[in-house]
C-alpha cells in the first residue's frame, strides 16, 4: 500500500462512510478505517481468550 496516498484515500473513505451513516461519529469512523487498513496490511494478531 502506498503510504503517500493513504491519508487522502482514508479521508475519502471516511467522507463516504459519514454520508451513508450520519449517526456515527467522525472519530469512530476514522478509527474504524485505520483498523481495517491494519488488518489488510496484516499488522494485527488474533486475540486469544484464556
N, C-alpha and C. Protein backbone atom coordinates (compact mmCIF):
# COMPACT_ATOMS: atom_id res chain seq x y z
N UNK A 1 0.85 -1.18 0.00
CA UNK A 1 0.00 0.00 0.00
C UNK A 1 0.89 1.24 0.00
N UNK A 2 0.60 2.19 -0.87
CA UNK A 2 1.39 3.41 -0.99
C UNK A 2 1.05 4.34 0.17
N UNK A 3 2.02 4.58 1.05
CA UNK A 3 1.79 5.36 2.26
C UNK A 3 1.49 6.82 1.95
N UNK A 4 1.97 7.36 0.81
CA UNK A 4 1.70 8.75 0.46
C UNK A 4 0.24 8.97 0.11
N UNK A 5 -0.41 7.97 -0.45
CA UNK A 5 -1.80 8.11 -0.86
C UNK A 5 -2.76 7.79 0.28
N UNK A 6 -2.30 7.09 1.28
CA UNK A 6 -3.18 6.58 2.33
C UNK A 6 -4.02 7.67 3.01
N UNK A 7 -3.45 8.79 3.45
CA UNK A 7 -4.29 9.80 4.13
C UNK A 7 -5.41 10.34 3.24
N UNK A 8 -5.14 10.59 1.97
CA UNK A 8 -6.18 11.08 1.06
C UNK A 8 -7.23 10.02 0.81
N UNK A 9 -6.81 8.78 0.61
CA UNK A 9 -7.76 7.70 0.40
C UNK A 9 -8.59 7.48 1.66
N UNK A 10 -7.93 7.56 2.81
CA UNK A 10 -8.63 7.38 4.08
C UNK A 10 -9.67 8.50 4.25
N UNK A 11 -9.30 9.74 3.95
CA UNK A 11 -10.24 10.86 4.08
C UNK A 11 -11.45 10.68 3.17
N UNK A 12 -11.22 10.21 1.96
CA UNK A 12 -12.33 9.99 1.03
C UNK A 12 -13.23 8.87 1.54
N UNK A 13 -12.63 7.82 2.07
CA UNK A 13 -13.40 6.71 2.60
C UNK A 13 -14.22 7.16 3.82
N UNK A 14 -13.60 7.94 4.70
CA UNK A 14 -14.31 8.45 5.87
C UNK A 14 -15.49 9.31 5.43
N UNK A 15 -15.29 10.16 4.45
CA UNK A 15 -16.36 11.03 3.97
C UNK A 15 -17.53 10.22 3.43
N UNK A 16 -17.24 9.17 2.65
CA UNK A 16 -18.31 8.33 2.11
C UNK A 16 -19.08 7.62 3.23
N UNK A 17 -18.35 7.09 4.19
CA UNK A 17 -19.00 6.39 5.30
C UNK A 17 -19.85 7.35 6.11
N UNK A 18 -19.34 8.55 6.36
CA UNK A 18 -20.08 9.54 7.14
C UNK A 18 -21.37 9.96 6.42
N UNK A 19 -21.32 10.08 5.10
CA UNK A 19 -22.51 10.45 4.34
C UNK A 19 -23.56 9.34 4.43
N UNK A 20 -23.12 8.09 4.37
CA UNK A 20 -24.04 6.96 4.42
C UNK A 20 -24.51 6.65 5.84
N UNK A 21 -23.76 7.08 6.85
CA UNK A 21 -24.05 6.76 8.25
C UNK A 21 -23.89 7.98 9.13
N UNK A 22 -24.75 8.96 9.01
CA UNK A 22 -24.58 10.21 9.77
C UNK A 22 -24.69 10.03 11.28
N UNK A 23 -25.21 8.90 11.73
CA UNK A 23 -25.33 8.67 13.17
C UNK A 23 -23.99 8.29 13.81
N UNK A 24 -23.01 7.92 13.00
CA UNK A 24 -21.70 7.55 13.54
C UNK A 24 -20.84 8.80 13.73
N UNK A 25 -20.02 8.78 14.76
CA UNK A 25 -19.14 9.92 14.99
C UNK A 25 -17.94 9.86 14.04
N UNK A 26 -17.39 11.02 13.77
CA UNK A 26 -16.20 11.09 12.90
C UNK A 26 -15.07 10.24 13.48
N UNK A 27 -14.83 10.36 14.78
CA UNK A 27 -13.72 9.64 15.40
C UNK A 27 -13.91 8.13 15.30
N UNK A 28 -15.13 7.65 15.46
CA UNK A 28 -15.40 6.22 15.33
C UNK A 28 -15.07 5.75 13.92
N UNK A 29 -15.52 6.49 12.93
CA UNK A 29 -15.28 6.11 11.53
C UNK A 29 -13.79 6.18 11.21
N UNK A 30 -13.11 7.20 11.73
CA UNK A 30 -11.66 7.33 11.49
C UNK A 30 -10.91 6.14 12.07
N UNK A 31 -11.23 5.78 13.31
CA UNK A 31 -10.56 4.64 13.94
C UNK A 31 -10.90 3.33 13.22
N UNK A 32 -12.12 3.21 12.76
CA UNK A 32 -12.54 2.02 12.02
C UNK A 32 -11.73 1.86 10.74
N UNK A 33 -11.56 2.94 9.99
CA UNK A 33 -10.81 2.84 8.74
C UNK A 33 -9.34 2.52 9.01
N UNK A 34 -8.78 3.07 10.07
CA UNK A 34 -7.40 2.75 10.43
C UNK A 34 -7.28 1.27 10.78
N UNK A 35 -8.23 0.78 11.57
CA UNK A 35 -8.21 -0.64 11.96
C UNK A 35 -8.33 -1.55 10.73
N UNK A 36 -9.20 -1.20 9.80
CA UNK A 36 -9.34 -2.01 8.60
C UNK A 36 -8.06 -2.02 7.77
N UNK A 37 -7.38 -0.88 7.69
CA UNK A 37 -6.11 -0.82 6.97
C UNK A 37 -5.06 -1.69 7.65
N UNK A 38 -5.06 -1.72 8.97
CA UNK A 38 -4.11 -2.55 9.70
C UNK A 38 -4.38 -4.04 9.46
N UNK A 39 -5.64 -4.42 9.40
CA UNK A 39 -5.99 -5.81 9.11
C UNK A 39 -5.53 -6.17 7.69
N UNK A 40 -5.80 -5.30 6.73
CA UNK A 40 -5.40 -5.55 5.34
C UNK A 40 -3.88 -5.65 5.21
N UNK A 41 -3.14 -4.90 6.02
CA UNK A 41 -1.68 -4.90 5.96
C UNK A 41 -1.08 -6.01 6.84
N UNK A 42 -1.94 -6.84 7.42
CA UNK A 42 -1.52 -7.96 8.27
C UNK A 42 -0.68 -7.47 9.46
N UNK A 43 -1.13 -6.39 10.07
CA UNK A 43 -0.44 -5.81 11.22
C UNK A 43 -1.16 -6.10 12.53
N UNK A 44 -2.00 -7.11 12.53
CA UNK A 44 -2.75 -7.45 13.75
C UNK A 44 -2.53 -8.91 14.11
N UNK A 45 -2.74 -9.20 15.37
CA UNK A 45 -2.63 -10.57 15.85
C UNK A 45 -3.98 -10.98 16.42
N UNK A 46 -4.33 -12.24 16.27
CA UNK A 46 -5.62 -12.69 16.85
C UNK A 46 -5.60 -12.60 18.36
N UNK A 47 -6.73 -12.25 18.91
CA UNK A 47 -6.86 -12.20 20.37
C UNK A 47 -7.31 -13.59 20.83
N UNK A 48 -6.61 -14.11 21.81
CA UNK A 48 -6.94 -15.44 22.29
C UNK A 48 -7.42 -15.35 23.74
N UNK A 49 -8.59 -15.91 23.98
CA UNK A 49 -9.12 -15.96 25.33
C UNK A 49 -8.41 -17.05 26.11
N UNK A 50 -8.19 -16.79 27.35
CA UNK A 50 -7.50 -17.79 28.18
C UNK A 50 -8.50 -18.72 28.84
